[in-house]
Amino acid sequence: MQAVAKTPHIDVRITGEISEKLLKTLADECGDDLVIITDPDEEFVDAQEADWYKEAKAGLTPGESLRIYRQNAGLTQEALGKMLGDLPRQHISNMENNSRAISLEMAKKLAKLLHASPARFLDL
């Protein structure tokens, strides 16, 4: 059996034989965020460790990564440009379309703003 509880403040994973008392305590504390898996073949896998993810990531260009991170952050090209020191929207568009290279310094700024590794935005 596996019990998984994820909230903004905690991430608890317990595997093996879990006592009813512990399950009740987790349920009281976590409510609907508690997931109990009783099928031994079913488990949570870190997607970043999966082969399909590694293959997909390897095929992304720095510009495609920038577009994905920007969109996931809910930012427009214009908004990201302003956050980077009033860069024009076209500058961001050119980076995303790989017609403008992303410098190491720019990669560091993007990484800080978009909460990612600078390597995501560099062609390494």
PDB file of N, CA and C in Angstrom:
ATOM      1  N   MET A   1       0.846  -1.171   0.000  1.00  0.00           N
ATOM      2  CA  MET A   1       0.000   0.000   0.000  1.00  0.00           C
ATOM      3  C   MET A   1       0.891   1.232   0.000  1.00  0.00           C
ATOM      4  N   GLN A   2       0.415   2.277  -0.645  1.00  0.00           N
ATOM      5  CA  GLN A   2       1.143   3.531  -0.668  1.00  0.00           C
ATOM      6  C   GLN A   2       0.158   4.647  -0.364  1.00  0.00           C
ATOM      7  N   ALA A   3       0.550   5.576   0.494  1.00  0.00           N
ATOM      8  CA  ALA A   3      -0.261   6.754   0.795  1.00  0.00           C
ATOM      9  C   ALA A   3       0.538   7.971   0.356  1.00  0.00           C
ATOM     10  N   VAL A   4      -0.101   8.848  -0.408  1.00  0.00           N
ATOM     11  CA  VAL A   4       0.562  10.044  -0.902  1.00  0.00           C
ATOM     12  C   VAL A   4      -0.301  11.243  -0.539  1.00  0.00           C
ATOM     13  N   ALA A   5       0.296  12.219   0.112  1.00  0.00           N
ATOM     14  CA  ALA A   5      -0.398  13.458   0.460  1.00  0.00           C
ATOM     15  C   ALA A   5       0.437  14.617  -0.053  1.00  0.00           C
ATOM     16  N   LYS A   6      -0.160  15.465  -0.893  1.00  0.00           N
ATOM     17  CA  LYS A   6       0.552  16.625  -1.414  1.00  0.00           C
ATOM     18  C   LYS A   6      -0.305  17.856  -1.207  1.00  0.00           C
ATOM     19  N   THR A   7       0.236  18.816  -0.530  1.00  0.00           N
ATOM     20  CA  THR A   7      -0.402  20.121  -0.373  1.00  0.00           C
ATOM     21  C   THR A   7       0.694  21.149  -0.619  1.00  0.00           C
ATOM     22  N   PRO A   8       0.350  22.417  -0.664  1.00  0.00           N
ATOM     23  CA  PRO A   8       1.414  23.411  -0.869  1.00  0.00           C
ATOM     24  C   PRO A   8       2.498  23.374   0.205  1.00  0.00           C
ATOM     25  N   HIS A   9       2.186  22.785   1.355  1.00  0.00           N
ATOM     26  CA  HIS A   9       3.142  22.824   2.455  1.00  0.00           C
ATOM     27  C   HIS A   9       3.798  21.489   2.770  1.00  0.00           C
ATOM     28  N   ILE A  10       3.199  20.389   2.299  1.00  0.00           N
ATOM     29  CA  ILE A  10       3.776  19.090   2.638  1.00  0.00           C
ATOM     30  C   ILE A  10       3.720  18.141   1.451  1.00  0.00           C
ATOM     31  N   ASP A  11       4.626  17.190   1.445  1.00  0.00           N
ATOM     32  CA  ASP A  11       4.640  16.101   0.471  1.00  0.00           C
ATOM     33  C   ASP A  11       5.091  14.870   1.240  1.00  0.00           C
ATOM     34  N   VAL A  12       4.147  13.985   1.543  1.00  0.00           N
ATOM     35  CA  VAL A  12       4.437  12.807   2.351  1.00  0.00           C
ATOM     36  C   VAL A  12       4.162  11.567   1.516  1.00  0.00           C
ATOM     37  N   ARG A  13       5.120  10.640   1.492  1.00  0.00           N
ATOM     38  CA  ARG A  13       4.928   9.357   0.816  1.00  0.00           C
ATOM     39  C   ARG A  13       5.312   8.255   1.787  1.00  0.00           C
ATOM     40  N   ILE A  14       4.400   7.343   2.006  1.00  0.00           N
ATOM     41  CA  ILE A  14       4.641   6.231   2.917  1.00  0.00           C
ATOM     42  C   ILE A  14       4.308   4.954   2.145  1.00  0.00           C
ATOM     43  N   THR A  15       5.206   4.005   2.155  1.00  0.00           N
ATOM     44  CA  THR A  15       4.941   2.739   1.486  1.00  0.00           C
ATOM     45  C   THR A  15       5.054   1.603   2.490  1.00  0.00           C
ATOM     46  N   GLY A  16       4.443   0.485   2.150  1.00  0.00           N
ATOM     47  CA  GLY A  16       4.488  -0.672   3.038  1.00  0.00           C
ATOM     48  C   GLY A  16       3.180  -0.821   3.775  1.00  0.00           C
ATOM     49  N   GLU A  17       3.227  -1.541   4.873  1.00  0.00           N
ATOM     50  CA  GLU A  17       2.043  -1.739   5.702  1.00  0.00           C
ATOM     51  C   GLU A  17       1.820  -0.474   6.529  1.00  0.00           C
ATOM     52  N   ILE A  18       0.694   0.172   6.301  1.00  0.00           N
ATOM     53  CA  ILE A  18       0.392   1.432   6.980  1.00  0.00           C
ATOM     54  C   ILE A  18      -0.743   1.181   7.963  1.00  0.00           C
ATOM     55  N   SER A  19      -0.539   1.540   9.207  1.00  0.00           N
ATOM     56  CA  SER A  19      -1.552   1.286  10.234  1.00  0.00           C
ATOM     57  C   SER A  19      -2.788   2.163  10.008  1.00  0.00           C
ATOM     58  N   GLU A  20      -3.913   1.671  10.461  1.00  0.00           N
ATOM     59  CA  GLU A  20      -5.166   2.417  10.350  1.00  0.00           C
ATOM     60  C   GLU A  20      -5.082   3.744  11.095  1.00  0.00           C
ATOM     61  N   LYS A  21      -4.406   3.739  12.238  1.00  0.00           N
ATOM     62  CA  LYS A  21      -4.261   4.960  13.033  1.00  0.00           C
ATOM     63  C   LYS A  21      -3.516   6.035  12.233  1.00  0.00           C
ATOM     64  N   LEU A  22      -2.442   5.628  11.550  1.00  0.00           N
ATOM     65  CA  LEU A  22      -1.671   6.579  10.740  1.00  0.00           C
ATOM     66  C   LEU A  22      -2.497   7.068   9.557  1.00  0.00           C
ATOM     67  N   LEU A  23      -3.226   6.161   8.906  1.00  0.00           N
ATOM     68  CA  LEU A  23      -4.084   6.559   7.788  1.00  0.00           C
ATOM     69  C   LEU A  23      -5.147   7.557   8.237  1.00  0.00           C
ATOM     70  N   LYS A  24      -5.742   7.321   9.412  1.00  0.00           N
ATOM     71  CA  LYS A  24      -6.762   8.236   9.924  1.00  0.00           C
ATOM     72  C   LYS A  24      -6.155   9.608  10.207  1.00  0.00           C
ATOM     73  N   THR A  25      -4.971   9.610  10.798  1.00  0.00           N
ATOM     74  CA  THR A  25      -4.289  10.881  11.084  1.00  0.00           C
ATOM     75  C   THR A  25      -4.002  11.637   9.786  1.00  0.00           C
ATOM     76  N   LEU A  26      -3.505  10.932   8.775  1.00  0.00           N
ATOM     77  CA  LEU A  26      -3.238  11.564   7.479  1.00  0.00           C
ATOM     78  C   LEU A  26      -4.524  12.089   6.854  1.00  0.00           C
ATOM     79  N   ALA A  27      -5.593  11.304   6.914  1.00  0.00           N
ATOM     80  CA  ALA A  27      -6.874  11.728   6.341  1.00  0.00           C
ATOM     81  C   ALA A  27      -7.404  12.965   7.056  1.00  0.00           C
ATOM     82  N   ASP A  28      -7.282  12.993   8.383  1.00  0.00           N
ATOM     83  CA  ASP A  28      -7.742  14.159   9.152  1.00  0.00           C
ATOM     84  C   ASP A  28      -6.938  15.402   8.781  1.00  0.00           C
ATOM     85  N   GLU A  29      -5.658  15.225   8.595  1.00  0.00           N
ATOM     86  CA  GLU A  29      -4.768  16.359   8.320  1.00  0.00           C
ATOM     87  C   GLU A  29      -4.875  16.822   6.868  1.00  0.00           C
ATOM     88  N   CYS A  30      -4.947  15.886   5.930  1.00  0.00           N
ATOM     89  CA  CYS A  30      -4.836  16.222   4.506  1.00  0.00           C
ATOM     90  C   CYS A  30      -6.168  16.302   3.772  1.00  0.00           C
ATOM     91  N   GLY A  31      -7.187  15.698   4.310  1.00  0.00           N
ATOM     92  CA  GLY A  31      -8.496  15.739   3.663  1.00  0.00           C
ATOM     93  C   GLY A  31      -8.459  15.142   2.268  1.00  0.00           C
ATOM     94  N   ASP A  32      -9.000  15.888   1.291  1.00  0.00           N
ATOM     95  CA  ASP A  32      -9.104  15.392  -0.082  1.00  0.00           C
ATOM     96  C   ASP A  32      -7.756  15.303  -0.800  1.00  0.00           C
ATOM     97  N   ASP A  33      -6.706  15.867  -0.228  1.00  0.00           N
ATOM     98  CA  ASP A  33      -5.393  15.808  -0.867  1.00  0.00           C
ATOM     99  C   ASP A  33      -4.699  14.467  -0.653  1.00  0.00           C
ATOM    100  N   LEU A  34      -5.265  13.611   0.168  1.00  0.00           N
ATOM    101  CA  LEU A  34      -4.674  12.310   0.458  1.00  0.00           C
ATOM    102  C   LEU A  34      -5.087  11.303  -0.612  1.00  0.00           C
ATOM    103  N   VAL A  35      -4.114  10.613  -1.186  1.00  0.00           N
ATOM    104  CA  VAL A  35      -4.363   9.559  -2.168  1.00  0.00           C
ATOM    105  C   VAL A  35      -3.816   8.267  -1.586  1.00  0.00           C
ATOM    106  N   ILE A  36      -4.637   7.237  -1.561  1.00  0.00           N
ATOM    107  CA  ILE A  36      -4.200   5.939  -1.062  1.00  0.00           C
ATOM    108  C   ILE A  36      -4.220   4.962  -2.226  1.00  0.00           C
ATOM    109  N   ILE A  37      -3.088   4.349  -2.486  1.00  0.00           N
ATOM    110  CA  ILE A  37      -2.957   3.397  -3.583  1.00  0.00           C
ATOM    111  C   ILE A  37      -2.844   2.006  -2.981  1.00  0.00           C
ATOM    112  N   THR A  38      -3.764   1.150  -3.337  1.00  0.00           N
ATOM    113  CA  THR A  38      -3.734  -0.198  -2.790  1.00  0.00           C
ATOM    114  C   THR A  38      -3.264  -1.219  -3.815  1.00  0.00           C
ATOM    115  N   ASP A  39      -3.232  -0.852  -5.099  1.00  0.00           N
ATOM    116  CA  ASP A  39      -2.752  -1.746  -6.146  1.00  0.00           C
ATOM    117  C   ASP A  39      -1.233  -1.717  -6.134  1.00  0.00           C
ATOM    118  N   PRO A  40      -0.578  -2.815  -5.840  1.00  0.00           N
ATOM    119  CA  PRO A  40       0.877  -2.807  -5.740  1.00  0.00           C
ATOM    120  C   PRO A  40       1.574  -2.493  -7.069  1.00  0.00           C
ATOM    121  N   ASP A  41       0.870  -2.670  -8.199  1.00  0.00           N
ATOM    122  CA  ASP A  41       1.478  -2.370  -9.498  1.00  0.00           C
ATOM    123  C   ASP A  41       1.387  -0.894  -9.851  1.00  0.00           C
ATOM    124  N   GLU A  42       0.531  -0.157  -9.147  1.00  0.00           N
ATOM    125  CA  GLU A  42       0.349   1.256  -9.437  1.00  0.00           C
ATOM    126  C   GLU A  42       1.254   2.070  -8.525  1.00  0.00           C
ATOM    127  N   GLU A  43       2.023   2.959  -9.123  1.00  0.00           N
ATOM    128  CA  GLU A  43       2.897   3.809  -8.326  1.00  0.00           C
ATOM    129  C   GLU A  43       3.098   5.131  -9.040  1.00  0.00           C
ATOM    130  N   PHE A  44       3.489   6.129  -8.290  1.00  0.00           N
ATOM    131  CA  PHE A  44       3.803   7.420  -8.860  1.00  0.00           C
ATOM    132  C   PHE A  44       5.237   7.390  -9.361  1.00  0.00           C
ATOM    133  N   VAL A  45       5.444   7.980 -10.538  1.00  0.00           N
ATOM    134  CA  VAL A  45       6.763   8.019 -11.144  1.00  0.00           C
ATOM    135  C   VAL A  45       7.111   9.475 -11.407  1.00  0.00           C
ATOM    136  N   ASP A  46       8.340   9.845 -11.133  1.00  0.00           N
ATOM    137  CA  ASP A  46       8.803  11.192 -11.444  1.00  0.00           C
ATOM    138  C   ASP A  46       8.927  11.297 -12.959  1.00  0.00           C
ATOM    139  N   ALA A  47       8.091  12.122 -13.575  1.00  0.00           N
ATOM    140  CA  ALA A  47       8.069  12.227 -15.035  1.00  0.00           C
ATOM    141  C   ALA A  47       9.419  12.631 -15.603  1.00  0.00           C
ATOM    142  N   GLN A  48      10.178  13.450 -14.881  1.00  0.00           N
ATOM    143  CA  GLN A  48      11.466  13.904 -15.392  1.00  0.00           C
ATOM    144  C   GLN A  48      12.483  12.780 -15.483  1.00  0.00           C
ATOM    145  N   GLU A  49      12.204  11.655 -14.837  1.00  0.00           N
ATOM    146  CA  GLU A  49      13.101  10.506 -14.904  1.00  0.00           C
ATOM    147  C   GLU A  49      12.667   9.494 -15.967  1.00  0.00           C
ATOM    148  N   ALA A  50      11.503   9.695 -16.562  1.00  0.00           N
ATOM    149  CA  ALA A  50      10.982   8.758 -17.558  1.00  0.00           C
ATOM    150  C   ALA A  50      11.697   8.945 -18.896  1.00  0.00           C
ATOM    151  N   ASP A  51      11.881   7.859 -19.615  1.00  0.00           N
ATOM    152  CA  ASP A  51      12.575   7.906 -20.906  1.00  0.00           C
ATOM    153  C   ASP A  51      11.868   8.820 -21.897  1.00  0.00           C
ATOM    154  N   TRP A  52      10.517   8.779 -21.934  1.00  0.00           N
ATOM    155  CA  TRP A  52       9.793   9.607 -22.899  1.00  0.00           C
ATOM    156  C   TRP A  52      10.036  11.089 -22.642  1.00  0.00           C
ATOM    157  N   TYR A  53      10.154  11.462 -21.354  1.00  0.00           N
ATOM    158  CA  TYR A  53      10.395  12.865 -21.020  1.00  0.00           C
ATOM    159  C   TYR A  53      11.800  13.279 -21.450  1.00  0.00           C
ATOM    160  N   LYS A  54      12.779  12.427 -21.187  1.00  0.00           N
ATOM    161  CA  LYS A  54      14.155  12.735 -21.561  1.00  0.00           C
ATOM    162  C   LYS A  54      14.295  12.889 -23.072  1.00  0.00           C
ATOM    163  N   GLU A  55      13.613  12.028 -23.829  1.00  0.00           N
ATOM    164  CA  GLU A  55      13.659  12.122 -25.287  1.00  0.00           C
ATOM    165  C   GLU A  55      12.999  13.412 -25.773  1.00  0.00           C
ATOM    166  N   ALA A  56      11.852  13.737 -25.200  1.00  0.00           N
ATOM    167  CA  ALA A  56      11.146  14.955 -25.599  1.00  0.00           C
ATOM    168  C   ALA A  56      11.964  16.194 -25.247  1.00  0.00           C
ATOM    169  N   LYS A  57      12.559  16.193 -24.071  1.00  0.00           N
ATOM    170  CA  LYS A  57      13.358  17.335 -23.626  1.00  0.00           C
ATOM    171  C   LYS A  57      14.573  17.526 -24.523  1.00  0.00           C
ATOM    172  N   ALA A  58      15.192  16.429 -24.932  1.00  0.00           N
ATOM    173  CA  ALA A  58      16.389  16.512 -25.776  1.00  0.00           C
ATOM    174  C   ALA A  58      16.062  17.128 -27.129  1.00  0.00           C
ATOM    175  N   GLY A  59      14.815  16.990 -27.586  1.00  0.00           N
ATOM    176  CA  GLY A  59      14.434  17.525 -28.887  1.00  0.00           C
ATOM    177  C   GLY A  59      14.025  18.983 -28.864  1.00  0.00           C
ATOM    178  N   LEU A  60      13.932  19.595 -27.690  1.00  0.00           N
ATOM    179  CA  LEU A  60      13.511  20.994 -27.587  1.00  0.00           C
ATOM    180  C   LEU A  60      14.680  21.939 -27.854  1.00  0.00           C
ATOM    181  N   THR A  61      14.419  22.984 -28.621  1.00  0.00           N
ATOM    182  CA  THR A  61      15.415  24.030 -28.806  1.00  0.00           C
ATOM    183  C   THR A  61      15.318  24.996 -27.628  1.00  0.00           C
ATOM    184  N   PRO A  62      16.342  25.825 -27.430  1.00  0.00           N
ATOM    185  CA  PRO A  62      16.249  26.824 -26.351  1.00  0.00           C
ATOM    186  C   PRO A  62      15.034  27.739 -26.505  1.00  0.00           C
ATOM    187  N   GLY A  63      14.712  28.113 -27.741  1.00  0.00           N
ATOM    188  CA  GLY A  63      13.554  28.974 -27.974  1.00  0.00           C
ATOM    189  C   GLY A  63      12.248  28.296 -27.627  1.00  0.00           C
ATOM    190  N   GLU A  64      12.134  27.005 -27.969  1.00  0.00           N
ATOM    191  CA  GLU A  64      10.916  26.266 -27.622  1.00  0.00           C
ATOM    192  C   GLU A  64      10.777  26.144 -26.110  1.00  0.00           C
ATOM    193  N   SER A  65      11.895  25.920 -25.435  1.00  0.00           N
ATOM    194  CA  SER A  65      11.860  25.863 -23.972  1.00  0.00           C
ATOM    195  C   SER A  65      11.416  27.200 -23.396  1.00  0.00           C
ATOM    196  N   LEU A  66      11.938  28.286 -23.950  1.00  0.00           N
ATOM    197  CA  LEU A  66      11.549  29.617 -23.486  1.00  0.00           C
ATOM    198  C   LEU A  66      10.046  29.823 -23.647  1.00  0.00           C
ATOM    199  N   ARG A  67       9.508  29.455 -24.800  1.00  0.00           N
ATOM    200  CA  ARG A  67       8.072  29.627 -25.040  1.00  0.00           C
ATOM    201  C   ARG A  67       7.260  28.823 -24.024  1.00  0.00           C
ATOM    202  N   ILE A  68       7.655  27.580 -23.780  1.00  0.00           N
ATOM    203  CA  ILE A  68       6.921  26.723 -22.835  1.00  0.00           C
ATOM    204  C   ILE A  68       6.966  27.315 -21.429  1.00  0.00           C
ATOM    205  N   TYR A  69       8.152  27.716 -20.972  1.00  0.00           N
ATOM    206  CA  TYR A  69       8.266  28.280 -19.622  1.00  0.00           C
ATOM    207  C   TYR A  69       7.497  29.597 -19.510  1.00  0.00           C
ATOM    208  N   ARG A  70       7.568  30.433 -20.547  1.00  0.00           N
ATOM    209  CA  ARG A  70       6.845  31.709 -20.517  1.00  0.00           C
ATOM    210  C   ARG A  70       5.342  31.467 -20.439  1.00  0.00           C
ATOM    211  N   GLN A  71       4.837  30.572 -21.275  1.00  0.00           N
ATOM    212  CA  GLN A  71       3.406  30.291 -21.273  1.00  0.00           C
ATOM    213  C   GLN A  71       2.971  29.670 -19.954  1.00  0.00           C
ATOM    214  N   ASN A  72       3.774  28.765 -19.407  1.00  0.00           N
ATOM    215  CA  ASN A  72       3.435  28.154 -18.118  1.00  0.00           C
ATOM    216  C   ASN A  72       3.405  29.182 -16.994  1.00  0.00           C
ATOM    217  N   ALA A  73       4.201  30.243 -17.142  1.00  0.00           N
ATOM    218  CA  ALA A  73       4.204  31.311 -16.139  1.00  0.00           C
ATOM    219  C   ALA A  73       3.045  32.282 -16.361  1.00  0.00           C
ATOM    220  N   GLY A  74       2.286  32.088 -17.448  1.00  0.00           N
ATOM    221  CA  GLY A  74       1.147  32.955 -17.725  1.00  0.00           C
ATOM    222  C   GLY A  74       1.550  34.324 -18.234  1.00  0.00           C
ATOM    223  N   LEU A  75       2.706  34.409 -18.872  1.00  0.00           N
ATOM    224  CA  LEU A  75       3.212  35.688 -19.357  1.00  0.00           C
ATOM    225  C   LEU A  75       3.073  35.809 -20.869  1.00  0.00           C
ATOM    226  N   THR A  76       2.797  37.004 -21.326  1.00  0.00           N
ATOM    227  CA  THR A  76       2.851  37.287 -22.757  1.00  0.00           C
ATOM    228  C   THR A  76       4.290  37.623 -23.104  1.00  0.00           C
ATOM    229  N   GLN A  77       4.586  37.647 -24.398  1.00  0.00           N
ATOM    230  CA  GLN A  77       5.923  38.052 -24.823  1.00  0.00           C
ATOM    231  C   GLN A  77       6.195  39.498 -24.378  1.00  0.00           C
ATOM    232  N   GLU A  78       5.201  40.326 -24.491  1.00  0.00           N
ATOM    233  CA  GLU A  78       5.344  41.728 -24.090  1.00  0.00           C
ATOM    234  C   GLU A  78       5.640  41.840 -22.593  1.00  0.00           C
ATOM    235  N   ALA A  79       4.906  41.084 -21.777  1.00  0.00           N
ATOM    236  CA  ALA A  79       5.104  41.150 -20.321  1.00  0.00           C
ATOM    237  C   ALA A  79       6.497  40.652 -19.948  1.00  0.00           C
ATOM    238  N   LEU A  80       6.954  39.560 -20.563  1.00  0.00           N
ATOM    239  CA  LEU A  80       8.290  39.059 -20.272  1.00  0.00           C
ATOM    240  C   LEU A  80       9.340  40.073 -20.686  1.00  0.00           C
ATOM    241  N   GLY A  81       9.144  40.704 -21.837  1.00  0.00           N
ATOM    242  CA  GLY A  81      10.077  41.738 -22.297  1.00  0.00           C
ATOM    243  C   GLY A  81      10.199  42.874 -21.295  1.00  0.00           C
ATOM    244  N   LYS A  82       9.082  43.299 -20.734  1.00  0.00           N
ATOM    245  CA  LYS A  82       9.115  44.372 -19.727  1.00  0.00           C
ATOM    246  C   LYS A  82       9.882  43.936 -18.488  1.00  0.00           C
ATOM    247  N   MET A  83       9.679  42.679 -18.086  1.00  0.00           N
ATOM    248  CA  MET A  83      10.373  42.176 -16.898  1.00  0.00           C
ATOM    249  C   MET A  83      11.876  42.068 -17.128  1.00  0.00           C
ATOM    250  N   LEU A  84      12.278  41.940 -18.386  1.00  0.00           N
ATOM    251  CA  LEU A  84      13.695  41.810 -18.723  1.00  0.00           C
ATOM    252  C   LEU A  84      14.338  43.161 -19.019  1.00  0.00           C
ATOM    253  N   GLY A  85      13.672  44.239 -18.704  1.00  0.00           N
ATOM    254  CA  GLY A  85      14.260  45.570 -18.900  1.00  0.00           C
ATOM    255  C   GLY A  85      13.753  46.260 -20.139  1.00  0.00           C
ATOM    256  N   ASP A  86      12.460  46.127 -20.387  1.00  0.00           N
ATOM    257  CA  ASP A  86      11.798  46.780 -21.525  1.00  0.00           C
ATOM    258  C   ASP A  86      12.313  46.309 -22.883  1.00  0.00           C
ATOM    259  N   LEU A  87      12.537  45.013 -23.014  1.00  0.00           N
ATOM    260  CA  LEU A  87      12.863  44.464 -24.336  1.00  0.00           C
ATOM    261  C   LEU A  87      11.593  44.456 -25.180  1.00  0.00           C
ATOM    262  N   PRO A  88      11.713  44.743 -26.474  1.00  0.00           N
ATOM    263  CA  PRO A  88      10.524  44.710 -27.327  1.00  0.00           C
ATOM    264  C   PRO A  88       9.964  43.286 -27.450  1.00  0.00           C
ATOM    265  N   ARG A  89       8.671  43.199 -27.688  1.00  0.00           N
ATOM    266  CA  ARG A  89       8.024  41.903 -27.871  1.00  0.00           C
ATOM    267  C   ARG A  89       8.699  41.110 -28.988  1.00  0.00           C
ATOM    268  N   GLN A  90       9.112  41.789 -30.033  1.00  0.00           N
ATOM    269  CA  GLN A  90       9.743  41.118 -31.171  1.00  0.00           C
ATOM    270  C   GLN A  90      11.059  40.443 -30.764  1.00  0.00           C
ATOM    271  N   HIS A  91      11.757  41.026 -29.823  1.00  0.00           N
ATOM    272  CA  HIS A  91      13.002  40.437 -29.313  1.00  0.00           C
ATOM    273  C   HIS A  91      12.708  39.072 -28.673  1.00  0.00           C
ATOM    274  N   ILE A  92      11.666  39.021 -27.857  1.00  0.00           N
ATOM    275  CA  ILE A  92      11.269  37.765 -27.215  1.00  0.00           C
ATOM    276  C   ILE A  92      10.821  36.772 -28.282  1.00  0.00           C
ATOM    277  N   SER A  93      10.018  37.241 -29.242  1.00  0.00           N
ATOM    278  CA  SER A  93       9.546  36.383 -30.321  1.00  0.00           C
ATOM    279  C   SER A  93      10.725  35.788 -31.097  1.00  0.00           C
ATOM    280  N   ASN A  94      11.719  36.600 -31.403  1.00  0.00           N
ATOM    281  CA  ASN A  94      12.897  36.120 -32.140  1.00  0.00           C
ATOM    282  C   ASN A  94      13.663  35.066 -31.342  1.00  0.00           C
ATOM    283  N   MET A  95      13.756  35.230 -30.028  1.00  0.00           N
ATOM    284  CA  MET A  95      14.417  34.209 -29.209  1.00  0.00           C
ATOM    285  C   MET A  95      13.604  32.913 -29.238  1.00  0.00           C
ATOM    286  N   GLU A  96      12.284  33.029 -29.112  1.00  0.00           N
ATOM    287  CA  GLU A  96      11.440  31.837 -29.112  1.00  0.00           C
ATOM    288  C   GLU A  96      11.462  31.109 -30.451  1.00  0.00           C
ATOM    289  N   ASN A  97      11.641  31.846 -31.522  1.00  0.00           N
ATOM    290  CA  ASN A  97      11.685  31.248 -32.861  1.00  0.00           C
ATOM    291  C   ASN A  97      13.103  30.880 -33.290  1.00  0.00           C
ATOM    292  N   ASN A  98      14.049  30.998 -32.368  1.00  0.00           N
ATOM    293  CA  ASN A  98      15.454  30.635 -32.605  1.00  0.00           C
ATOM    294  C   ASN A  98      16.121  31.452 -33.700  1.00  0.00           C
ATOM    295  N   SER A  99      15.590  32.640 -33.981  1.00  0.00           N
ATOM    296  CA  SER A  99      16.261  33.521 -34.936  1.00  0.00           C
ATOM    297  C   SER A  99      17.155  34.522 -34.207  1.00  0.00           C
ATOM    298  N   ARG A 100      17.104  34.511 -32.880  1.00  0.00           N
ATOM    299  CA  ARG A 100      18.007  35.312 -32.049  1.00  0.00           C
ATOM    300  C   ARG A 100      18.511  34.385 -30.954  1.00  0.00           C
ATOM    301  N   ALA A 101      19.836  34.267 -30.882  1.00  0.00           N
ATOM    302  CA  ALA A 101      20.437  33.392 -29.869  1.00  0.00           C
ATOM    303  C   ALA A 101      20.200  33.963 -28.472  1.00  0.00           C
ATOM    304  N   ILE A 102      20.124  33.073 -27.502  1.00  0.00           N
ATOM    305  CA  ILE A 102      19.975  33.471 -26.103  1.00  0.00           C
ATOM    306  C   ILE A 102      21.360  33.425 -25.473  1.00  0.00           C
ATOM    307  N   SER A 103      21.821  34.579 -25.011  1.00  0.00           N
ATOM    308  CA  SER A 103      23.152  34.656 -24.399  1.00  0.00           C
ATOM    309  C   SER A 103      23.133  34.026 -23.008  1.00  0.00           C
ATOM    310  N   LEU A 104      24.326  33.770 -22.484  1.00  0.00           N
ATOM    311  CA  LEU A 104      24.425  33.206 -21.136  1.00  0.00           C
ATOM    312  C   LEU A 104      23.808  34.161 -20.120  1.00  0.00           C
ATOM    313  N   GLU A 105      24.083  35.445 -20.264  1.00  0.00           N
ATOM    314  CA  GLU A 105      23.515  36.426 -19.326  1.00  0.00           C
ATOM    315  C   GLU A 105      21.990  36.451 -19.415  1.00  0.00           C
ATOM    316  N   MET A 106      21.462  36.401 -20.635  1.00  0.00           N
ATOM    317  CA  MET A 106      20.003  36.391 -20.815  1.00  0.00           C
ATOM    318  C   MET A 106      19.422  35.100 -20.248  1.00  0.00           C
ATOM    319  N   ALA A 107      20.101  33.976 -20.457  1.00  0.00           N
ATOM    320  CA  ALA A 107      19.631  32.696 -19.922  1.00  0.00           C
ATOM    321  C   ALA A 107      19.536  32.759 -18.400  1.00  0.00           C
ATOM    322  N   LYS A 108      20.497  33.405 -17.764  1.00  0.00           N
ATOM    323  CA  LYS A 108      20.466  33.544 -16.305  1.00  0.00           C
ATOM    324  C   LYS A 108      19.281  34.397 -15.858  1.00  0.00           C
ATOM    325  N   LYS A 109      19.004  35.479 -16.581  1.00  0.00           N
ATOM    326  CA  LYS A 109      17.852  36.332 -16.241  1.00  0.00           C
ATOM    327  C   LYS A 109      16.543  35.567 -16.428  1.00  0.00           C
ATOM    328  N   LEU A 110      16.443  34.853 -17.550  1.00  0.00           N
ATOM    329  CA  LEU A 110      15.235  34.073 -17.816  1.00  0.00           C
ATOM    330  C   LEU A 110      15.036  33.005 -16.746  1.00  0.00           C
ATOM    331  N   ALA A 111      16.124  32.342 -16.388  1.00  0.00           N
ATOM    332  CA  ALA A 111      16.045  31.277 -15.378  1.00  0.00           C
ATOM    333  C   ALA A 111      15.524  31.820 -14.054  1.00  0.00           C
ATOM    334  N   LYS A 112      16.001  32.982 -13.675  1.00  0.00           N
ATOM    335  CA  LYS A 112      15.564  33.575 -12.413  1.00  0.00           C
ATOM    336  C   LYS A 112      14.075  33.950 -12.471  1.00  0.00           C
ATOM    337  N   LEU A 113      13.658  34.544 -13.572  1.00  0.00           N
ATOM    338  CA  LEU A 113      12.260  34.967 -13.712  1.00  0.00           C
ATOM    339  C   LEU A 113      11.302  33.794 -13.863  1.00  0.00           C
ATOM    340  N   LEU A 114      11.745  32.745 -14.557  1.00  0.00           N
ATOM    341  CA  LEU A 114      10.853  31.638 -14.883  1.00  0.00           C
ATOM    342  C   LEU A 114      11.086  30.408 -14.009  1.00  0.00           C
ATOM    343  N   HIS A 115      11.945  30.547 -13.003  1.00  0.00           N
ATOM    344  CA  HIS A 115      12.218  29.473 -12.039  1.00  0.00           C
ATOM    345  C   HIS A 115      12.661  28.184 -12.738  1.00  0.00           C
ATOM    346  N   ALA A 116      13.733  28.313 -13.498  1.00  0.00           N
ATOM    347  CA  ALA A 116      14.267  27.167 -14.244  1.00  0.00           C
ATOM    348  C   ALA A 116      15.783  27.232 -14.214  1.00  0.00           C
ATOM    349  N   SER A 117      16.405  26.225 -14.753  1.00  0.00           N
ATOM    350  CA  SER A 117      17.850  26.209 -14.886  1.00  0.00           C
ATOM    351  C   SER A 117      18.251  27.023 -16.115  1.00  0.00           C
ATOM    352  N   PRO A 118      19.322  27.803 -16.042  1.00  0.00           N
ATOM    353  CA  PRO A 118      19.773  28.540 -17.232  1.00  0.00           C
ATOM    354  C   PRO A 118      20.059  27.622 -18.415  1.00  0.00           C
ATOM    355  N   ALA A 119      20.441  26.383 -18.144  1.00  0.00           N
ATOM    356  CA  ALA A 119      20.750  25.436 -19.226  1.00  0.00           C
ATOM    357  C   ALA A 119      19.539  25.184 -20.127  1.00  0.00           C
ATOM    358  N   ARG A 120      18.333  25.360 -19.604  1.00  0.00           N
ATOM    359  CA  ARG A 120      17.118  25.179 -20.418  1.00  0.00           C
ATOM    360  C   ARG A 120      17.068  26.130 -21.605  1.00  0.00           C
ATOM    361  N   PHE A 121      17.722  27.283 -21.467  1.00  0.00           N
ATOM    362  CA  PHE A 121      17.636  28.320 -22.481  1.00  0.00           C
ATOM    363  C   PHE A 121      18.910  28.453 -23.319  1.00  0.00           C
ATOM    364  N   LEU A 122      19.801  27.498 -23.158  1.00  0.00           N
ATOM    365  CA  LEU A 122      21.059  27.508 -23.904  1.00  0.00           C
ATOM    366  C   LEU A 122      21.157  26.264 -24.775  1.00  0.00           C
ATOM    367  N   ASP A 123      21.824  26.397 -25.894  1.00  0.00           N
ATOM    368  CA  ASP A 123      22.003  25.280 -26.812  1.00  0.00           C
ATOM    369  C   ASP A 123      23.277  24.554 -26.430  1.00  0.00           C
ATOM    370  N   LEU A 124      23.177  23.663 -25.445  1.00  0.00           N
ATOM    371  CA  LEU A 124      24.348  22.946 -24.936  1.00  0.00           C
ATOM    372  C   LEU A 124      24.425  21.553 -25.511  1.00  0.00           C
TER     373      LEU A 124
END
